[in-house]
Amino acid sequence: MHTMKRFAASVFSAAMLFASPAPLAFAADSPASSAVQQAQATITPKSITSSTAEYEARITYPVISGLADKAFEAQLNAELYQYVTNTLKSFQQQISENAADAKEFGWKMPFGDLEISYEVHTNGKLLSFSLTQYVFTGGAHGLTTEVFYNIANLPKAQKLELSDLFQPGYDYRNILSMMIKLQIDQLSKEEQLPYWFESIDKNQPFSIQDGDLVIHFGPYEIAPYVAGLPSFTISKYRYHNLLKPQIQALLQQK
């Protein structure tokens, strides 16, 4: 599995002019971004834009409807909204603080950039999606990070962690880590890059895509900047028998 080549690194520069927060614009869904059915739930894109002479912010995040657990659905949507709005506020504050320094010391301000988007993967009644955030506030390049959600769409919904998937008695961390090391051995030869991977965490970020388990790493977590956001795919045929019976059933339900 090739690593994801998203340039990801961040140096917050003090070289900025004064920037006051711009009004937020909430965009209506366009025909190209209509709601889609996933895991018997509906995912509707919602957009927020904000811009000044000093920065531009473009945010598209998912609004979830149709989950069996309505209380969980409301909590999840509130969490997603809070995540994107808090990220935007932090971005604006960073620009404002750096801009004050730039004004004081006479530095030139780079143009700030924030973008948040999402991607959805569905398997049975497991709703798997991610939010990708790119931010640039100065320096040589920006920073890309990801947040992953894996939701069991059941009458009592649950946000699943990696440790929730596997049967007791299986050392899933060691098994998956060995599979990843085999991929890294080949990948490091192809890319001529150093990797310092030892083992996945107990609840390493993951997604399930077309039944396959994908293990995700952040920037600099196991490789240098140029490696982007490494991810490694474990075929469903290699890990499925390690899953708890209820997780197997969840992936197979329609």
C-alpha atoms as a PDB file:
ATOM      1  CA  MET A   1       0.000   0.000   0.000  1.00  0.00           C
ATOM      2  CA  HIS A   2       1.394   3.282  -1.034  1.00  0.00           C
ATOM      3  CA  THR A   3       1.412   6.104   1.451  1.00  0.00           C
ATOM      4  CA  MET A   4      -0.865   9.052   0.889  1.00  0.00           C
ATOM      5  CA  LYS A   5       1.128  11.834  -0.711  1.00  0.00           C
ATOM      6  CA  ARG A   6      -0.366  14.813   0.970  1.00  0.00           C
ATOM      7  CA  PHE A   7       2.158  17.430   1.862  1.00  0.00           C
ATOM      8  CA  ALA A   8       1.940  17.833   5.574  1.00  0.00           C
ATOM      9  CA  ALA A   9       4.020  19.927   7.879  1.00  0.00           C
ATOM     10  CA  SER A  10       3.419  23.215   9.609  1.00  0.00           C
ATOM     11  CA  VAL A  11       5.430  26.123  10.851  1.00  0.00           C
ATOM     12  CA  PHE A  12       3.308  28.931  12.295  1.00  0.00           C
ATOM     13  CA  SER A  13       4.976  32.111  11.142  1.00  0.00           C
ATOM     14  CA  ALA A  14       4.945  35.360  12.994  1.00  0.00           C
ATOM     15  CA  ALA A  15       5.098  37.149   9.664  1.00  0.00           C
ATOM     16  CA  MET A  16       1.479  38.319   9.444  1.00  0.00           C
ATOM     17  CA  LEU A  17      -0.523  41.539   9.409  1.00  0.00           C
ATOM     18  CA  PHE A  18      -3.576  42.239  11.496  1.00  0.00           C
ATOM     19  CA  ALA A  19      -6.507  40.020  10.515  1.00  0.00           C
ATOM     20  CA  SER A  20      -9.945  40.332  12.066  1.00  0.00           C
ATOM     21  CA  PRO A  21     -12.326  37.360  11.927  1.00  0.00           C
ATOM     22  CA  ALA A  22     -14.547  37.459   8.869  1.00  0.00           C
ATOM     23  CA  PRO A  23     -18.255  36.669   8.925  1.00  0.00           C
ATOM     24  CA  LEU A  24     -19.034  33.028   8.294  1.00  0.00           C
ATOM     25  CA  ALA A  25     -20.916  32.039   5.180  1.00  0.00           C
ATOM     26  CA  PHE A  26     -22.971  28.856   5.276  1.00  0.00           C
ATOM     27  CA  ALA A  27     -23.393  27.544   1.758  1.00  0.00           C
ATOM     28  CA  ALA A  28     -26.374  25.624   0.532  1.00  0.00           C
ATOM     29  CA  ASP A  29     -25.731  22.237  -0.966  1.00  0.00           C
ATOM     30  CA  SER A  30     -24.959  22.321  -4.680  1.00  0.00           C
ATOM     31  CA  PRO A  31     -26.259  19.684  -7.125  1.00  0.00           C
ATOM     32  CA  ALA A  32     -22.760  18.185  -7.215  1.00  0.00           C
ATOM     33  CA  SER A  33     -22.714  17.805  -3.435  1.00  0.00           C
ATOM     34  CA  SER A  34     -26.172  16.322  -2.823  1.00  0.00           C
ATOM     35  CA  ALA A  35     -26.915  14.047   0.086  1.00  0.00           C
ATOM     36  CA  VAL A  36     -25.930  10.392  -0.324  1.00  0.00           C
ATOM     37  CA  GLN A  37     -27.106   7.203   1.374  1.00  0.00           C
ATOM     38  CA  GLN A  38     -24.468   5.411   3.449  1.00  0.00           C
ATOM     39  CA  ALA A  39     -25.024   2.490   5.831  1.00  0.00           C
ATOM     40  CA  GLN A  40     -28.774   3.252   5.743  1.00  0.00           C
ATOM     41  CA  ALA A  41     -27.943   6.780   6.879  1.00  0.00           C
ATOM     42  CA  THR A  42     -27.919   9.978   4.858  1.00  0.00           C
ATOM     43  CA  ILE A  43     -24.768  12.093   4.627  1.00  0.00           C
ATOM     44  CA  THR A  44     -25.412  15.703   3.618  1.00  0.00           C
ATOM     45  CA  PRO A  45     -22.506  18.085   2.972  1.00  0.00           C
ATOM     46  CA  LYS A  46     -22.549  21.421   4.780  1.00  0.00           C
ATOM     47  CA  SER A  47     -20.212  24.244   3.807  1.00  0.00           C
ATOM     48  CA  ILE A  48     -18.745  27.152   5.756  1.00  0.00           C
ATOM     49  CA  THR A  49     -16.578  29.803   4.134  1.00  0.00           C
ATOM     50  CA  SER A  50     -14.741  32.742   5.642  1.00  0.00           C
ATOM     51  CA  SER A  51     -12.237  35.065   4.011  1.00  0.00           C
ATOM     52  CA  THR A  52     -10.397  38.343   4.490  1.00  0.00           C
ATOM     53  CA  ALA A  53      -7.480  39.999   2.742  1.00  0.00           C
ATOM     54  CA  GLU A  54      -5.214  37.886   4.978  1.00  0.00           C
ATOM     55  CA  TYR A  55      -6.721  34.386   4.707  1.00  0.00           C
ATOM     56  CA  GLU A  56      -9.304  32.100   3.158  1.00  0.00           C
ATOM     57  CA  ALA A  57     -11.147  29.238   4.864  1.00  0.00           C
ATOM     58  CA  ARG A  58     -13.167  26.595   3.005  1.00  0.00           C
ATOM     59  CA  ILE A  59     -14.910  23.962   5.096  1.00  0.00           C
ATOM     60  CA  THR A  60     -17.181  21.115   4.023  1.00  0.00           C
ATOM     61  CA  TYR A  61     -18.280  18.685   6.705  1.00  0.00           C
ATOM     62  CA  PRO A  62     -20.895  15.906   6.893  1.00  0.00           C
ATOM     63  CA  VAL A  63     -24.296  16.212   8.535  1.00  0.00           C
ATOM     64  CA  ILE A  64     -25.603  12.773   9.460  1.00  0.00           C
ATOM     65  CA  SER A  65     -29.277  11.773   9.406  1.00  0.00           C
ATOM     66  CA  GLY A  66     -31.144   8.478   9.384  1.00  0.00           C
ATOM     67  CA  LEU A  67     -29.224   6.745  12.173  1.00  0.00           C
ATOM     68  CA  ALA A  68     -31.265   4.322  14.243  1.00  0.00           C
ATOM     69  CA  ASP A  69     -30.086   6.008  17.462  1.00  0.00           C
ATOM     70  CA  LYS A  70     -31.400   9.567  17.241  1.00  0.00           C
ATOM     71  CA  ALA A  71     -29.768  10.747  20.471  1.00  0.00           C
ATOM     72  CA  PHE A  72     -26.385   9.525  19.229  1.00  0.00           C
ATOM     73  CA  GLU A  73     -27.033  11.151  15.859  1.00  0.00           C
ATOM     74  CA  ALA A  74     -27.677  14.547  17.480  1.00  0.00           C
ATOM     75  CA  GLN A  75     -24.559  14.220  19.631  1.00  0.00           C
ATOM     76  CA  LEU A  76     -22.433  13.213  16.634  1.00  0.00           C
ATOM     77  CA  ASN A  77     -23.619  16.144  14.523  1.00  0.00           C
ATOM     78  CA  ALA A  78     -22.964  18.533  17.400  1.00  0.00           C
ATOM     79  CA  GLU A  79     -19.457  17.098  17.762  1.00  0.00           C
ATOM     80  CA  LEU A  80     -18.722  17.513  14.049  1.00  0.00           C
ATOM     81  CA  TYR A  81     -19.986  21.095  14.040  1.00  0.00           C
ATOM     82  CA  GLN A  82     -17.953  21.932  17.142  1.00  0.00           C
ATOM     83  CA  TYR A  83     -14.836  20.416  15.592  1.00  0.00           C
ATOM     84  CA  VAL A  84     -14.984  22.522  12.419  1.00  0.00           C
ATOM     85  CA  THR A  85     -16.014  25.765  14.123  1.00  0.00           C
ATOM     86  CA  ASN A  86     -13.360  25.422  16.847  1.00  0.00           C
ATOM     87  CA  THR A  87     -10.756  24.703  14.174  1.00  0.00           C
ATOM     88  CA  LEU A  88     -11.798  27.827  12.291  1.00  0.00           C
ATOM     89  CA  LYS A  89     -11.665  29.958  15.451  1.00  0.00           C
ATOM     90  CA  SER A  90      -8.187  28.651  16.320  1.00  0.00           C
ATOM     91  CA  PHE A  91      -7.013  29.368  12.783  1.00  0.00           C
ATOM     92  CA  GLN A  92      -8.354  32.920  12.919  1.00  0.00           C
ATOM     93  CA  GLN A  93      -6.813  33.499  16.336  1.00  0.00           C
ATOM     94  CA  GLN A  94      -3.425  32.233  15.149  1.00  0.00           C
ATOM     95  CA  ILE A  95      -3.510  34.603  12.203  1.00  0.00           C
ATOM     96  CA  SER A  96      -4.571  37.504  14.420  1.00  0.00           C
ATOM     97  CA  GLU A  97      -1.769  36.872  16.919  1.00  0.00           C
ATOM     98  CA  ASN A  98       0.895  36.444  14.270  1.00  0.00           C
ATOM     99  CA  ALA A  99      -0.423  39.440  12.389  1.00  0.00           C
ATOM    100  CA  ALA A 100       0.006  41.629  15.467  1.00  0.00           C
ATOM    101  CA  ASP A 101       3.669  40.575  15.609  1.00  0.00           C
ATOM    102  CA  ALA A 102       4.041  41.227  11.897  1.00  0.00           C
ATOM    103  CA  LYS A 103       2.650  44.722  12.294  1.00  0.00           C
ATOM    104  CA  GLU A 104       4.956  45.439  15.221  1.00  0.00           C
ATOM    105  CA  PHE A 105       8.133  44.136  13.568  1.00  0.00           C
ATOM    106  CA  GLY A 106       7.354  45.012   9.966  1.00  0.00           C
ATOM    107  CA  TRP A 107       7.281  41.463   8.618  1.00  0.00           C
ATOM    108  CA  LYS A 108       5.512  40.506   5.403  1.00  0.00           C
ATOM    109  CA  MET A 109       2.415  38.388   5.851  1.00  0.00           C
ATOM    110  CA  PRO A 110       1.898  35.148   3.926  1.00  0.00           C
ATOM    111  CA  PHE A 111      -1.676  34.392   2.865  1.00  0.00           C
ATOM    112  CA  GLY A 112      -3.329  31.991   5.323  1.00  0.00           C
ATOM    113  CA  ASP A 113      -5.278  28.984   4.139  1.00  0.00           C
ATOM    114  CA  LEU A 114      -7.628  26.530   5.871  1.00  0.00           C
ATOM    115  CA  GLU A 115      -9.476  23.709   4.180  1.00  0.00           C
ATOM    116  CA  ILE A 116     -11.546  20.910   5.720  1.00  0.00           C
ATOM    117  CA  SER A 117     -13.164  18.167   3.662  1.00  0.00           C
ATOM    118  CA  TYR A 118     -14.513  14.690   4.331  1.00  0.00           C
ATOM    119  CA  GLU A 119     -14.622  11.222   2.783  1.00  0.00           C
ATOM    120  CA  VAL A 120     -17.107   8.448   3.504  1.00  0.00           C
ATOM    121  CA  HIS A 121     -16.677   4.654   3.389  1.00  0.00           C
ATOM    122  CA  THR A 122     -19.487   2.271   4.223  1.00  0.00           C
ATOM    123  CA  ASN A 123     -19.531  -1.441   5.021  1.00  0.00           C
ATOM    124  CA  GLY A 124     -22.833  -3.019   6.030  1.00  0.00           C
ATOM    125  CA  LYS A 125     -24.066  -1.097   9.052  1.00  0.00           C
ATOM    126  CA  LEU A 126     -20.649   0.376   9.800  1.00  0.00           C
ATOM    127  CA  LEU A 127     -20.440   4.034   8.815  1.00  0.00           C
ATOM    128  CA  SER A 128     -16.768   4.932   8.346  1.00  0.00           C
ATOM    129  CA  PHE A 129     -15.718   8.483   7.434  1.00  0.00           C
ATOM    130  CA  SER A 130     -12.845  10.891   7.902  1.00  0.00           C
ATOM    131  CA  LEU A 131     -12.292  14.636   8.111  1.00  0.00           C
ATOM    132  CA  THR A 132      -9.145  15.968   6.459  1.00  0.00           C
ATOM    133  CA  GLN A 133      -7.785  19.323   7.596  1.00  0.00           C
ATOM    134  CA  TYR A 134      -5.150  21.388   5.817  1.00  0.00           C
ATOM    135  CA  VAL A 135      -3.862  24.591   7.419  1.00  0.00           C
ATOM    136  CA  PHE A 136      -1.205  27.069   6.326  1.00  0.00           C
ATOM    137  CA  THR A 137      -0.291  30.120   8.367  1.00  0.00           C
ATOM    138  CA  GLY A 138       3.241  30.690   7.136  1.00  0.00           C
ATOM    139  CA  GLY A 139       6.531  28.889   6.834  1.00  0.00           C
ATOM    140  CA  ALA A 140       7.705  26.465   4.174  1.00  0.00           C
ATOM    141  CA  HIS A 141       4.481  24.465   3.903  1.00  0.00           C
ATOM    142  CA  GLY A 142       1.175  23.665   5.569  1.00  0.00           C
ATOM    143  CA  LEU A 143      -0.005  20.847   7.811  1.00  0.00           C
ATOM    144  CA  THR A 144      -2.478  18.111   6.871  1.00  0.00           C
ATOM    145  CA  THR A 145      -4.149  15.980   9.549  1.00  0.00           C
ATOM    146  CA  GLU A 146      -7.029  13.517   9.603  1.00  0.00           C
ATOM    147  CA  VAL A 147      -9.709  12.478  12.089  1.00  0.00           C
ATOM    148  CA  PHE A 148     -11.508   9.138  11.651  1.00  0.00           C
ATOM    149  CA  TYR A 149     -14.993   8.070  12.710  1.00  0.00           C
ATOM    150  CA  ASN A 150     -16.322   4.506  12.676  1.00  0.00           C
ATOM    151  CA  ILE A 151     -19.958   4.296  13.736  1.00  0.00           C
ATOM    152  CA  ALA A 152     -21.993   1.156  14.391  1.00  0.00           C
ATOM    153  CA  ASN A 153     -25.434   2.125  13.071  1.00  0.00           C
ATOM    154  CA  LEU A 154     -27.509   0.084  15.517  1.00  0.00           C
ATOM    155  CA  PRO A 155     -30.478   0.885  17.804  1.00  0.00           C
ATOM    156  CA  LYS A 156     -27.833   1.771  20.389  1.00  0.00           C
ATOM    157  CA  ALA A 157     -25.114   3.303  18.213  1.00  0.00           C
ATOM    158  CA  GLN A 158     -21.449   3.158  19.159  1.00  0.00           C
ATOM    159  CA  LYS A 159     -18.305   4.928  18.020  1.00  0.00           C
ATOM    160  CA  LEU A 160     -15.889   2.049  17.493  1.00  0.00           C
ATOM    161  CA  GLU A 161     -12.211   2.111  18.410  1.00  0.00           C
ATOM    162  CA  LEU A 162      -9.715  -0.357  16.962  1.00  0.00           C
ATOM    163  CA  SER A 163      -9.708  -2.321  20.225  1.00  0.00           C
ATOM    164  CA  ASP A 164     -13.485  -2.839  19.923  1.00  0.00           C
ATOM    165  CA  LEU A 165     -13.145  -4.929  16.767  1.00  0.00           C
ATOM    166  CA  PHE A 166     -11.213  -8.004  17.858  1.00  0.00           C
ATOM    167  CA  GLN A 167     -11.996 -11.104  19.861  1.00  0.00           C
ATOM    168  CA  PRO A 168     -10.414 -11.447  23.317  1.00  0.00           C
ATOM    169  CA  GLY A 169      -7.254 -13.508  23.336  1.00  0.00           C
ATOM    170  CA  TYR A 170      -5.948 -12.243  20.008  1.00  0.00           C
ATOM    171  CA  ASP A 171      -2.867 -10.030  20.131  1.00  0.00           C
ATOM    172  CA  TYR A 172      -4.256  -7.879  17.338  1.00  0.00           C
ATOM    173  CA  ARG A 173      -1.650  -5.150  17.870  1.00  0.00           C
ATOM    174  CA  ASN A 174       1.228  -7.526  17.217  1.00  0.00           C
ATOM    175  CA  ILE A 175      -0.536  -9.277  14.315  1.00  0.00           C
ATOM    176  CA  LEU A 176      -1.415  -6.043  12.515  1.00  0.00           C
ATOM    177  CA  SER A 177       1.990  -4.513  13.272  1.00  0.00           C
ATOM    178  CA  MET A 178       3.740  -7.463  11.649  1.00  0.00           C
ATOM    179  CA  MET A 179       1.589  -7.065   8.528  1.00  0.00           C
ATOM    180  CA  ILE A 180       2.406  -3.366   8.387  1.00  0.00           C
ATOM    181  CA  LYS A 181       6.139  -3.992   8.837  1.00  0.00           C
ATOM    182  CA  LEU A 182       6.110  -6.268   5.795  1.00  0.00           C
ATOM    183  CA  GLN A 183       4.557  -3.470   3.736  1.00  0.00           C
ATOM    184  CA  ILE A 184       7.001  -0.914   5.117  1.00  0.00           C
ATOM    185  CA  ASP A 185       9.984  -3.099   4.199  1.00  0.00           C
ATOM    186  CA  GLN A 186       8.882  -3.042   0.568  1.00  0.00           C
ATOM    187  CA  LEU A 187       7.791   0.589   0.632  1.00  0.00           C
ATOM    188  CA  SER A 188      11.044   1.905   2.096  1.00  0.00           C
ATOM    189  CA  LYS A 189      12.970   0.177  -0.685  1.00  0.00           C
ATOM    190  CA  GLU A 190      10.762   1.745  -3.355  1.00  0.00           C
ATOM    191  CA  GLU A 191      10.763   5.249  -1.881  1.00  0.00           C
ATOM    192  CA  GLN A 192      14.213   5.279  -0.278  1.00  0.00           C
ATOM    193  CA  LEU A 193      12.725   6.736   2.895  1.00  0.00           C
ATOM    194  CA  PRO A 194      13.430   5.874   6.526  1.00  0.00           C
ATOM    195  CA  TYR A 195      10.565   4.571   8.673  1.00  0.00           C
ATOM    196  CA  TRP A 196      10.710   4.248  12.459  1.00  0.00           C
ATOM    197  CA  PHE A 197       7.574   2.182  12.959  1.00  0.00           C
ATOM    198  CA  GLU A 198       7.549  -0.290  15.864  1.00  0.00           C
ATOM    199  CA  SER A 199       3.920  -1.020  16.694  1.00  0.00           C
ATOM    200  CA  ILE A 200       0.437   0.378  16.321  1.00  0.00           C
ATOM    201  CA  ASP A 201      -1.249   1.937  19.324  1.00  0.00           C
ATOM    202  CA  LYS A 202      -4.101   0.179  21.087  1.00  0.00           C
ATOM    203  CA  ASN A 203      -6.565   2.478  19.349  1.00  0.00           C
ATOM    204  CA  GLN A 204      -4.642   3.480  16.239  1.00  0.00           C
ATOM    205  CA  PRO A 205      -6.838   5.477  13.822  1.00  0.00           C
ATOM    206  CA  PHE A 206      -8.460   3.237  11.245  1.00  0.00           C
ATOM    207  CA  SER A 207     -11.103   3.034   8.566  1.00  0.00           C
ATOM    208  CA  ILE A 208     -12.763   0.141   6.792  1.00  0.00           C
ATOM    209  CA  GLN A 209     -12.900   0.500   3.035  1.00  0.00           C
ATOM    210  CA  ASP A 210     -14.630  -2.105   0.874  1.00  0.00           C
ATOM    211  CA  GLY A 211     -14.252  -4.548   3.752  1.00  0.00           C
ATOM    212  CA  ASP A 212     -10.506  -4.007   4.100  1.00  0.00           C
ATOM    213  CA  LEU A 213      -8.996  -2.566   7.275  1.00  0.00           C
ATOM    214  CA  VAL A 214      -6.898   0.567   6.695  1.00  0.00           C
ATOM    215  CA  ILE A 215      -4.535   1.693   9.469  1.00  0.00           C
ATOM    216  CA  HIS A 216      -3.689   5.398   9.413  1.00  0.00           C
ATOM    217  CA  PHE A 217      -0.770   7.423  10.776  1.00  0.00           C
ATOM    218  CA  GLY A 218      -0.306  11.137  11.236  1.00  0.00           C
ATOM    219  CA  PRO A 219       2.440  13.339   9.794  1.00  0.00           C
ATOM    220  CA  TYR A 220       5.875  12.551  11.243  1.00  0.00           C
ATOM    221  CA  GLU A 221       4.421   9.687  13.299  1.00  0.00           C
ATOM    222  CA  ILE A 222       6.405   6.903  11.629  1.00  0.00           C
ATOM    223  CA  ALA A 223       8.178   8.618   8.716  1.00  0.00           C
ATOM    224  CA  PRO A 224       9.588  11.995   7.629  1.00  0.00           C
ATOM    225  CA  TYR A 225       7.550  14.867   6.204  1.00  0.00           C
ATOM    226  CA  VAL A 226       7.834  13.757   2.577  1.00  0.00           C
ATOM    227  CA  ALA A 227       5.993  10.510   3.390  1.00  0.00           C
ATOM    228  CA  GLY A 228       2.791  12.488   3.931  1.00  0.00           C
ATOM    229  CA  LEU A 229       0.105  10.616   5.876  1.00  0.00           C
ATOM    230  CA  PRO A 230       1.052   6.929   5.716  1.00  0.00           C
ATOM    231  CA  SER A 231      -1.721   4.353   5.575  1.00  0.00           C
ATOM    232  CA  PHE A 232      -1.609   0.586   5.227  1.00  0.00           C
ATOM    233  CA  THR A 233      -4.342  -1.708   3.965  1.00  0.00           C
ATOM    234  CA  ILE A 234      -4.962  -5.093   5.574  1.00  0.00           C
ATOM    235  CA  SER A 235      -7.046  -7.342   3.323  1.00  0.00           C
ATOM    236  CA  LYS A 236     -10.329  -8.544   4.787  1.00  0.00           C
ATOM    237  CA  TYR A 237      -9.201 -12.085   4.051  1.00  0.00           C
ATOM    238  CA  ARG A 238      -6.297 -11.669   6.494  1.00  0.00           C
ATOM    239  CA  TYR A 239      -8.065 -10.154   9.495  1.00  0.00           C
ATOM    240  CA  HIS A 240     -11.775 -10.987   9.251  1.00  0.00           C
ATOM    241  CA  ASN A 241     -11.560 -14.172  11.348  1.00  0.00           C
ATOM    242  CA  LEU A 242     -10.046 -12.140  14.222  1.00  0.00           C
ATOM    243  CA  LEU A 243     -13.150  -9.957  14.538  1.00  0.00           C
ATOM    244  CA  LYS A 244     -15.773 -10.319  17.224  1.00  0.00           C
ATOM    245  CA  PRO A 245     -18.881 -12.114  15.881  1.00  0.00           C
ATOM    246  CA  GLN A 246     -20.992  -8.984  16.388  1.00  0.00           C
ATOM    247  CA  ILE A 247     -18.515  -6.921  14.343  1.00  0.00           C
ATOM    248  CA  GLN A 248     -18.547  -9.524  11.564  1.00  0.00           C
ATOM    249  CA  ALA A 249     -22.335  -9.364  11.554  1.00  0.00           C
ATOM    250  CA  LEU A 250     -22.244  -5.567  11.517  1.00  0.00           C
ATOM    251  CA  LEU A 251     -20.101  -5.536   8.375  1.00  0.00           C
ATOM    252  CA  GLN A 252     -22.369  -7.999   6.604  1.00  0.00           C
ATOM    253  CA  GLN A 253     -25.744  -6.402   7.426  1.00  0.00           C
ATOM    254  CA  LYS A 254     -27.533  -4.412   4.752  1.00  0.00           C
END
